[in-house]
Protein backbone atom coordinates (compact mmCIF):
# COMPACT_ATOMS: atom_id res chain seq x y z
CA MET A 1 93.38 61.15 -104.84
CA ILE A 2 91.30 60.63 -108.02
CA ALA A 3 92.60 59.27 -111.29
CA SER A 4 90.61 59.53 -114.54
CA GLN A 5 90.52 58.91 -118.26
CA HIS A 6 88.06 60.60 -120.62
CA ASP A 7 85.94 57.55 -121.35
CA PHE A 8 85.59 55.86 -117.98
CA LEU A 9 85.40 56.35 -114.26
CA ILE A 10 87.97 55.45 -111.60
CA PHE A 11 87.83 56.12 -107.91
CA ILE A 12 90.38 55.51 -105.16
CA VAL A 13 89.93 55.51 -101.38
CA GLU A 14 91.16 58.36 -99.18
CA ASP A 15 92.55 57.56 -95.72
CA ASN A 16 92.21 60.81 -93.75
CA TYR A 17 88.60 60.55 -92.61
CA VAL A 18 87.87 59.94 -88.91
CA MET A 19 84.53 58.29 -88.22
CA LYS A 20 81.92 59.24 -85.64
CA LYS A 21 81.18 57.64 -82.28
CA MET A 22 77.82 56.51 -80.96
CA ILE A 23 77.48 56.98 -77.20
CA ILE A 24 74.83 54.86 -75.47
CA HIS A 25 73.94 54.94 -71.77
CA GLY A 26 72.32 51.54 -71.44
CA GLY A 27 70.12 49.64 -69.02
CA ARG A 28 66.85 51.42 -69.81
CA ARG A 29 63.73 49.48 -70.76
CA LEU A 30 62.33 50.84 -74.01
CA SER A 31 58.74 51.34 -75.14
CA GLY A 32 56.68 53.16 -77.73
CA SER A 33 56.50 52.88 -81.50
CA VAL A 34 58.86 53.21 -84.45
CA SER A 35 58.31 53.40 -88.20
CA ILE A 36 60.58 51.56 -90.61
CA GLY A 37 62.12 53.49 -93.49
CA GLY A 38 62.72 52.54 -97.10
CA ALA A 39 64.97 49.60 -97.83
CA LYS A 40 68.67 50.44 -97.91
CA ASN A 41 69.42 47.50 -100.19
CA SER A 42 66.85 48.77 -102.69
CA THR A 43 67.90 52.40 -102.42
CA VAL A 44 71.60 51.83 -103.11
CA ALA A 45 70.70 50.05 -106.37
CA LEU A 46 67.83 52.34 -107.39
CA ILE A 47 69.99 55.47 -107.30
CA PRO A 48 72.56 54.10 -109.80
CA ALA A 49 69.62 52.70 -111.84
CA ALA A 50 68.24 56.24 -112.14
CA ILE A 51 71.01 57.21 -114.58
CA LEU A 52 69.44 54.85 -117.13
CA ALA A 53 66.44 57.18 -117.41
CA ASP A 54 66.01 59.78 -120.15
CA THR A 55 63.95 61.97 -117.80
CA PRO A 56 64.17 63.14 -114.20
CA VAL A 57 63.07 60.52 -111.66
CA LYS A 58 61.67 60.78 -108.17
CA PHE A 59 61.83 58.33 -105.24
CA ASP A 60 59.71 58.41 -102.11
CA MET A 61 60.39 56.84 -98.69
CA VAL A 62 64.15 57.20 -99.17
CA PRO A 63 66.05 56.48 -95.93
CA ASP A 64 68.21 59.30 -94.60
CA ILE A 65 71.38 57.23 -94.46
CA LEU A 66 75.00 58.03 -95.23
CA ASP A 67 75.02 55.85 -98.35
CA VAL A 68 72.31 58.03 -99.94
CA HIS A 69 74.35 61.20 -99.42
CA ASN A 70 77.49 59.51 -100.77
CA LEU A 71 75.61 58.32 -103.86
CA MET A 72 74.34 61.86 -104.39
CA LEU A 73 77.96 63.09 -104.40
CA ILE A 74 78.83 60.47 -107.00
CA LEU A 75 75.86 61.55 -109.13
CA GLU A 76 76.90 65.19 -108.87
CA SER A 77 80.39 64.33 -110.13
CA MET A 78 78.69 63.10 -113.33
CA ASN A 79 76.57 66.26 -113.65
CA VAL A 80 73.52 64.35 -112.45
CA HIS A 81 71.65 66.77 -110.21
CA SER A 82 69.80 65.48 -107.17
CA LYS A 83 67.76 66.91 -104.30
CA PHE A 84 66.80 65.12 -101.08
CA ALA A 85 64.30 66.34 -98.48
CA ASN A 86 61.64 64.76 -96.25
CA GLY A 87 62.24 61.27 -97.62
CA VAL A 88 61.89 62.34 -101.27
CA LEU A 89 64.88 62.10 -103.61
CA GLU A 90 64.80 63.74 -107.05
CA VAL A 91 67.42 62.71 -109.60
CA ASP A 92 67.91 64.43 -112.96
CA PRO A 93 70.23 62.45 -115.27
CA THR A 94 69.33 64.36 -118.46
CA GLU A 95 72.67 66.19 -118.59
CA ILE A 96 74.87 63.31 -117.44
CA VAL A 97 78.53 63.32 -118.46
CA GLU A 98 81.33 60.83 -117.90
CA ALA A 99 83.66 62.07 -115.18
CA PRO A 100 85.72 60.77 -112.24
CA MET A 101 83.88 59.96 -109.02
CA PRO A 102 84.75 61.65 -105.69
CA SER A 103 86.83 59.21 -103.69
CA ARG A 104 85.58 60.14 -100.21
CA ALA A 105 81.96 59.46 -101.23
CA ILE A 106 82.78 55.85 -102.07
CA LYS A 107 85.20 55.22 -99.19
CA SER A 108 83.06 52.43 -97.76
CA LEU A 109 80.30 52.26 -100.35
CA ARG A 110 80.30 48.72 -101.69
CA ALA A 111 77.05 49.36 -103.59
CA SER A 112 78.94 51.66 -105.96
CA TYR A 113 79.50 48.53 -108.04
CA TYR A 114 75.94 48.96 -109.35
CA PHE A 115 77.35 51.78 -111.45
CA MET A 116 79.01 49.04 -113.54
CA GLY A 117 75.69 47.80 -114.89
CA ALA A 118 74.09 51.25 -115.00
CA LEU A 119 77.00 52.91 -116.84
CA LEU A 120 77.26 49.96 -119.20
CA GLY A 121 73.56 50.28 -119.99
CA ARG A 122 73.81 54.06 -120.41
CA PHE A 123 77.14 54.52 -122.21
CA GLY A 124 78.19 51.05 -123.32
CA ARG A 125 81.34 51.25 -121.19
CA ALA A 126 82.46 51.67 -117.59
CA THR A 127 85.59 51.43 -115.48
CA VAL A 128 85.30 50.94 -111.75
CA THR A 129 87.97 50.57 -109.04
CA PHE A 130 86.38 49.00 -106.01
CA PRO A 131 86.52 50.70 -102.59
CA GLY A 132 86.05 47.50 -100.61
CA GLY A 133 83.04 48.30 -98.43
CA ASP A 134 82.13 46.07 -95.52
CA ASN A 135 84.94 43.67 -94.74
CA ILE A 136 82.90 40.52 -94.12
CA GLY A 137 84.85 38.09 -96.24
CA PRO A 138 85.15 37.49 -99.98
CA ARG A 139 82.41 38.92 -102.16
CA PRO A 140 83.73 38.18 -105.67
CA ILE A 141 82.32 39.86 -108.76
CA ASP A 142 83.04 36.98 -111.13
CA GLN A 143 79.32 36.43 -111.77
CA HIS A 144 78.87 40.10 -112.67
CA ILE A 145 81.74 39.85 -115.15
CA LYS A 146 80.40 36.60 -116.60
CA ALA A 147 77.04 38.27 -117.23
CA PHE A 148 78.56 41.36 -118.87
CA GLN A 149 80.64 39.17 -121.17
CA ALA A 150 77.58 37.14 -122.15
CA LEU A 151 75.86 40.39 -123.09
CA GLY A 152 78.71 41.19 -125.47
CA ALA A 153 81.02 43.30 -123.34
CA SER A 154 84.78 42.99 -123.10
CA VAL A 155 85.99 42.96 -119.50
CA VAL A 156 89.57 43.51 -118.33
CA GLU A 157 90.57 43.29 -114.67
CA ASP A 158 93.75 44.84 -113.25
CA ASN A 159 94.47 45.15 -109.52
CA GLY A 160 90.87 45.70 -108.49
CA THR A 161 90.02 47.91 -111.47
CA VAL A 162 87.48 46.54 -113.95
CA ARG A 163 87.30 48.06 -117.44
CA ILE A 164 84.22 47.17 -119.46
CA THR A 165 83.76 48.12 -123.11
CA THR A 166 81.48 47.20 -126.00
CA GLY A 167 81.87 47.29 -129.75
CA GLU A 168 79.86 49.30 -132.25
CA ASP A 169 76.88 46.97 -131.95
CA GLY A 170 76.62 47.51 -128.19
CA LEU A 171 75.06 45.00 -125.82
CA HIS A 172 72.83 42.16 -126.98
CA GLY A 173 70.50 39.81 -125.15
CA ALA A 174 71.79 36.46 -123.90
CA ARG A 175 70.97 33.47 -121.71
CA ILE A 176 72.89 33.79 -118.46
CA PHE A 177 73.07 31.12 -115.75
CA LEU A 178 74.51 32.44 -112.50
CA ASP A 179 76.74 29.82 -110.88
CA VAL A 180 75.78 31.09 -107.41
CA VAL A 181 72.72 32.96 -106.25
CA SER A 182 73.92 36.56 -106.08
CA VAL A 183 71.80 39.65 -105.38
CA GLY A 184 74.48 41.99 -106.72
CA ALA A 185 75.05 40.03 -109.92
CA THR A 186 71.32 39.69 -110.54
CA ILE A 187 70.77 43.45 -110.18
CA ASN A 188 73.83 44.42 -112.22
CA THR A 189 72.75 42.09 -115.03
CA ILE A 190 69.27 43.62 -115.07
CA LEU A 191 70.74 47.14 -115.22
CA ALA A 192 73.01 46.24 -118.13
CA ALA A 193 70.39 44.22 -120.05
CA VAL A 194 67.39 46.49 -119.73
CA LYS A 195 68.47 48.58 -122.76
CA ALA A 196 70.34 45.81 -124.60
CA THR A 197 69.12 44.67 -128.00
CA GLY A 198 67.01 41.52 -127.85
CA SER A 199 66.03 39.14 -125.06
CA THR A 200 67.99 38.26 -121.93
CA THR A 201 67.24 35.38 -119.57
CA ILE A 202 68.83 35.25 -116.11
CA GLU A 203 68.66 31.77 -114.57
CA ASN A 204 69.41 30.93 -110.93
CA ALA A 205 68.60 34.58 -110.18
CA ALA A 206 68.33 35.89 -106.63
CA LYS A 207 64.74 36.36 -105.41
CA GLU A 208 65.08 39.08 -102.78
CA PRO A 209 62.27 41.66 -102.45
CA GLU A 210 64.73 44.41 -103.34
CA ILE A 211 65.14 42.89 -106.80
CA VAL A 212 61.36 43.01 -107.28
CA ASP A 213 61.47 46.67 -106.19
CA ILE A 214 64.12 47.55 -108.79
CA ALA A 215 62.26 45.67 -111.54
CA THR A 216 59.07 47.56 -110.62
CA PHE A 217 60.90 50.89 -110.89
CA LEU A 218 62.33 50.01 -114.30
CA ASN A 219 59.05 48.60 -115.61
CA ASN A 220 57.20 51.75 -114.60
CA MET A 221 59.62 53.62 -116.89
CA GLY A 222 58.88 51.32 -119.83
CA ALA A 223 61.27 48.42 -119.28
CA HIS A 224 60.18 44.83 -119.90
CA VAL A 225 61.45 42.83 -116.91
CA ARG A 226 59.45 39.73 -116.02
CA GLY A 227 59.92 37.07 -113.34
CA ALA A 228 61.58 39.22 -110.65
CA GLY A 229 61.09 37.40 -107.36
CA THR A 230 61.57 34.01 -109.04
CA ASP A 231 64.77 32.25 -110.06
CA VAL A 232 64.24 33.00 -113.78
CA ILE A 233 64.11 36.63 -114.94
CA ARG A 234 63.38 37.54 -118.56
CA ILE A 235 64.21 40.94 -120.03
CA GLU A 236 63.27 42.43 -123.39
CA GLY A 237 65.54 45.34 -124.14
CA VAL A 238 64.02 48.76 -124.81
CA PRO A 239 65.63 51.84 -126.41
CA ALA A 240 64.56 54.38 -123.79
CA LEU A 241 63.29 54.68 -120.22
CA ARG A 242 61.05 57.54 -119.11
CA ALA A 243 59.76 58.12 -115.58
CA THR A 244 56.10 59.15 -115.29
CA ASN A 245 55.43 58.69 -111.56
CA VAL A 246 57.06 58.65 -108.13
CA HIS A 247 58.58 55.32 -107.09
CA THR A 248 57.93 54.46 -103.43
CA ILE A 249 60.70 52.27 -102.02
CA ILE A 250 59.65 49.16 -100.11
CA PRO A 251 60.12 49.04 -96.31
CA ASP A 252 63.51 47.86 -95.09
CA ARG A 253 63.15 44.27 -93.85
CA ILE A 254 66.63 44.37 -92.29
CA GLU A 255 65.87 47.51 -90.30
CA ALA A 256 62.57 45.92 -89.30
CA GLY A 257 64.32 42.75 -88.13
CA THR A 258 66.85 44.81 -86.20
CA PHE A 259 64.11 46.64 -84.32
CA LEU A 260 62.28 43.36 -83.70
CA SER A 261 65.40 41.98 -82.06
CA LEU A 262 65.94 45.20 -80.11
CA ALA A 263 62.33 45.24 -78.91
CA ALA A 264 62.48 41.62 -77.74
CA ALA A 265 65.85 42.14 -76.03
CA ALA A 266 65.31 45.47 -74.29
CA GLY A 267 61.66 46.45 -74.69
CA ASP A 268 58.62 46.67 -72.45
CA GLY A 269 56.25 46.86 -75.41
CA ILE A 270 57.24 48.31 -78.79
CA GLN A 271 55.13 48.60 -81.94
CA ILE A 272 56.99 48.50 -85.24
CA ASN A 273 55.12 50.15 -88.11
CA ASN A 274 55.49 50.10 -91.91
CA ILE A 275 56.64 46.53 -92.48
CA ILE A 276 55.77 43.83 -94.99
CA PRO A 277 55.32 40.71 -92.83
CA GLU A 278 55.86 38.34 -95.78
CA HIS A 279 59.40 39.69 -96.16
CA LEU A 280 60.17 38.75 -92.54
CA GLU A 281 58.62 35.30 -92.21
CA SER A 282 61.90 33.41 -91.79
CA PHE A 283 62.97 35.88 -89.09
CA THR A 284 59.71 36.13 -87.16
CA ALA A 285 59.41 32.32 -87.24
CA LYS A 286 62.66 32.12 -85.28
CA LEU A 287 61.49 34.76 -82.80
CA ILE A 288 58.30 32.81 -82.20
CA GLU A 289 60.37 29.63 -81.76
CA MET A 290 62.36 31.46 -79.07
CA GLY A 291 59.18 32.47 -77.27
CA VAL A 292 59.14 36.15 -78.20
CA ASN A 293 55.74 37.77 -77.66
CA LEU A 294 54.64 38.92 -81.15
CA GLU A 295 51.29 40.28 -82.31
CA MET A 296 51.36 40.45 -86.12
CA GLY A 297 49.27 42.97 -88.06
CA GLU A 298 48.82 43.66 -91.75
CA ASP A 299 51.66 46.18 -91.88
CA LYS A 300 52.89 46.31 -88.28
CA VAL A 301 53.92 44.11 -85.39
CA TYR A 302 53.73 44.62 -81.63
CA VAL A 303 56.52 43.10 -79.54
CA GLY A 304 55.49 42.64 -75.92
CA ARG A 305 57.93 42.14 -73.08
CA SER A 306 59.50 38.75 -73.71
CA ASP A 307 60.92 36.58 -70.92
CA ASP A 308 61.80 32.88 -70.60
CA LEU A 309 63.36 32.71 -74.05
CA LYS A 310 64.64 29.44 -75.51
CA ALA A 311 67.87 28.82 -77.42
CA ILE A 312 67.53 28.27 -81.17
CA GLN A 313 69.57 27.31 -84.21
CA VAL A 314 69.87 29.76 -87.12
CA LYS A 315 71.09 29.04 -90.63
CA THR A 316 71.33 31.89 -93.12
CA LEU A 317 70.17 31.24 -96.67
CA PRO A 318 69.19 33.24 -99.77
CA PHE A 319 65.70 34.72 -99.63
CA PRO A 320 63.17 33.52 -98.51
CA GLY A 321 65.55 31.97 -95.98
CA PHE A 322 66.98 33.71 -92.90
CA ALA A 323 68.88 36.79 -94.13
CA THR A 324 72.61 36.98 -93.54
CA ASP A 325 72.12 40.67 -92.70
CA LEU A 326 70.05 39.63 -89.67
CA GLN A 327 72.36 37.08 -88.08
CA GLN A 328 74.30 39.79 -86.25
CA PRO A 329 71.29 41.85 -85.10
CA ILE A 330 69.64 38.76 -83.58
CA THR A 331 72.78 37.82 -81.62
CA PRO A 332 72.24 40.11 -78.58
CA LEU A 333 68.74 38.68 -78.20
CA LEU A 334 70.17 35.14 -78.20
CA LEU A 335 72.27 36.10 -75.17
CA ARG A 336 69.02 36.26 -73.18
CA ALA A 337 67.92 32.74 -74.15
CA THR A 338 68.36 29.77 -71.84
CA GLY A 339 70.96 27.38 -73.21
CA SER A 340 73.26 27.64 -76.22
CA SER A 341 72.13 29.02 -79.56
CA MET A 342 74.00 28.31 -82.77
CA ILE A 343 74.32 30.35 -85.96
CA VAL A 344 75.66 29.05 -89.28
CA ASP A 345 76.08 31.75 -91.93
CA THR A 346 76.19 29.98 -95.28
CA ILE A 347 76.32 33.29 -97.20
CA TYR A 348 79.23 35.08 -95.47
CA PRO A 349 80.92 32.68 -93.01
CA GLN A 350 83.47 35.38 -92.13
CA ARG A 351 80.77 37.73 -90.85
CA ILE A 352 82.04 37.56 -87.28
CA LYS A 353 83.39 41.06 -86.56
CA HIS A 354 80.86 41.51 -83.76
CA ILE A 355 82.06 38.53 -81.72
CA SER A 356 85.25 39.97 -80.23
CA GLN A 357 83.48 43.27 -79.53
CA LEU A 358 80.55 41.62 -77.74
CA GLN A 359 83.07 39.67 -75.67
CA LYS A 360 84.43 43.01 -74.41
CA MET A 361 80.96 43.67 -73.00
CA GLY A 362 80.87 40.31 -71.22
CA ALA A 363 78.93 38.31 -73.80
CA GLN A 364 79.40 34.55 -73.79
CA ILE A 365 79.87 34.11 -77.53
CA ARG A 366 82.49 32.44 -79.69
CA ALA A 367 83.24 31.23 -83.22
CA GLU A 368 83.66 27.49 -83.39
CA ARG A 369 84.07 25.29 -86.50
CA ASP A 370 82.34 27.66 -88.97
CA MET A 371 79.62 28.25 -86.43
CA ILE A 372 78.79 31.00 -83.93
CA VAL A 373 77.86 29.72 -80.48
CA VAL A 374 75.89 32.10 -78.24
CA ASP A 375 75.52 31.07 -74.59
CA HIS A 376 73.12 32.58 -72.08
CA THR A 377 74.61 35.74 -70.56
CA ASP A 378 73.09 37.31 -67.46
CA HIS A 379 74.85 40.63 -67.58
CA LEU A 380 76.48 42.98 -70.10
CA ASN A 381 78.66 45.97 -69.25
CA GLY A 382 79.32 49.10 -71.27
CA ALA A 383 82.66 49.19 -73.09
CA VAL A 384 84.52 50.86 -75.93
CA VAL A 385 83.80 48.76 -79.03
CA ASP A 386 84.22 49.07 -82.78
CA ALA A 387 81.50 48.82 -85.44
CA GLY A 388 83.53 47.07 -88.11
CA GLU A 389 80.62 47.09 -90.56
CA ILE A 390 76.92 47.93 -90.70
CA ARG A 391 75.29 44.87 -89.17
CA ALA A 392 78.06 44.32 -86.63
CA GLY A 393 77.36 47.89 -85.56
CA ALA A 394 73.66 47.11 -85.21
CA SER A 395 74.51 44.14 -83.00
CA LEU A 396 76.68 46.30 -80.75
CA MET A 397 74.01 49.00 -80.62
CA ILE A 398 71.41 46.53 -79.31
CA ALA A 399 73.89 45.06 -76.82
CA ALA A 400 74.74 48.58 -75.60
CA LEU A 401 71.05 49.29 -74.97
CA MET A 402 70.88 46.08 -72.90
CA ALA A 403 74.10 46.75 -70.98
CA ASP A 404 74.71 48.59 -67.72
CA GLY A 405 76.84 51.69 -68.02
CA THR A 406 78.10 53.60 -71.04
CA THR A 407 79.15 52.09 -74.36
CA GLU A 408 81.16 53.99 -76.96
CA ILE A 409 80.77 52.52 -80.44
CA GLU A 410 83.62 53.69 -82.63
CA ASN A 411 83.29 53.84 -86.43
CA ALA A 412 79.59 54.55 -85.94
CA ASP A 413 79.36 55.86 -89.52
CA ASN A 414 78.93 52.20 -90.41
CA ILE A 415 75.68 52.16 -88.43
CA LEU A 416 74.54 55.41 -90.02
CA ARG A 417 75.12 53.86 -93.44
CA GLY A 418 72.30 51.40 -92.85
CA TYR A 419 69.90 52.92 -90.32
CA GLY A 420 68.20 56.21 -91.13
CA SER A 421 67.35 58.68 -88.34
CA ILE A 422 68.54 56.05 -85.88
CA VAL A 423 69.24 58.41 -82.96
CA ALA A 424 65.80 60.04 -83.23
CA LYS A 425 64.07 56.65 -83.45
CA LEU A 426 65.90 55.23 -80.43
CA THR A 427 65.41 58.41 -78.40
CA ALA A 428 61.66 58.26 -79.07
CA LEU A 429 61.66 54.78 -77.51
CA GLY A 430 63.33 56.11 -74.37
CA ALA A 431 66.97 55.33 -75.13
CA ASP A 432 69.85 57.62 -74.16
CA VAL A 433 71.82 57.79 -77.42
CA ALA A 434 73.99 60.45 -79.04
CA ILE A 435 76.38 60.77 -81.96
CA GLU A 436 79.76 62.40 -81.33
CA ASP A 437 81.16 64.10 -84.42
CA PRO A 438 84.70 63.21 -85.49
CA VAL A 439 87.75 65.39 -85.31
CA ARG A 440 88.80 65.92 -88.91
CA VAL A 441 92.36 64.96 -89.77
CA GLU A 442 94.09 67.60 -91.85
CA ASP A 443 96.10 66.65 -94.91
């Protein structure tokens, strides 16, 4: 069901959608090469950012993931036309109107909160009811709200619905200090401030590569965003944004890390192409510490068969530290290491949905005092498991490739949300993987 008012957007989750299954017949050693697609975490912010433009925009190297198609449905509901083919996404926001969003498209799309900043920058107002997204513990939006208020907006919260309005003078520049390092708050503040009157300074900003990517896109349209990639970002507001070229999205460092883990855990020699090694240094450093056989190139890495692995300790931190999105994908590889490995996730301590599911497959893994302990496990068996969210699904997918027998991963749409063309990529490496379509539940 969708509820609406003429001057803002509301969306509500539907409950009658049955997700897909991923079926994996495991135990095969994999080899070959794979190319990494564009960054999901850039793409899901760039698409909302496109509505700030006064011209059509075009993105290249767009991953073919479920989130992209859901964002296209949201755009269409606002009369923003889009076309996606062969990794190229065209978005035309020149006839945008304010209208309710389709609820199914945002059922599990946490990144829809970037429409707060984008709509605020475009119309000076927005109302968003959050769908929830990945259930990996609290992800509060208080820093987003703090930033919008500093820019001159009035914000009212009511049962998960946030209504943001501005007066006749619109948004104005401000100095904003984020109390915690937040990628989402940093991006939303940039989107709201890029057309605001005057100068905005964001202090204690997140430094992730995806933020640099979004700033590059906006600057190429005439924005004045400086300092992206550092902890202080300065923005001079501009009255209009006009696209003049195609924006190529950066490679996905999380997909790259997932395939690095997969290659080390179940590969007999896999080359991973289209990466930016500097974005992966904290991850590859841990693989090297384990004893993984890596040969680094300028934009690729070869992972040779890796035996005699050592246990390690992992602590997730904001970039350039070890990414929270990679603590689950590295877990199956840790099962092969001699001894006990330990993971402390300082970003999302509740990101443990994969643990109970890996245990079903025979993994020696447990949560203990805000820490994940991964013991050496000789053997995994196929099982019916549930991909509770994207990166938990990636962890189960790697474990299923390692395991003997057949694994059914339920709620596989969560994997498809983050990994483009995943079945084709795995099949090319020699895996036996298929997606089983859901049976639709009638109203």
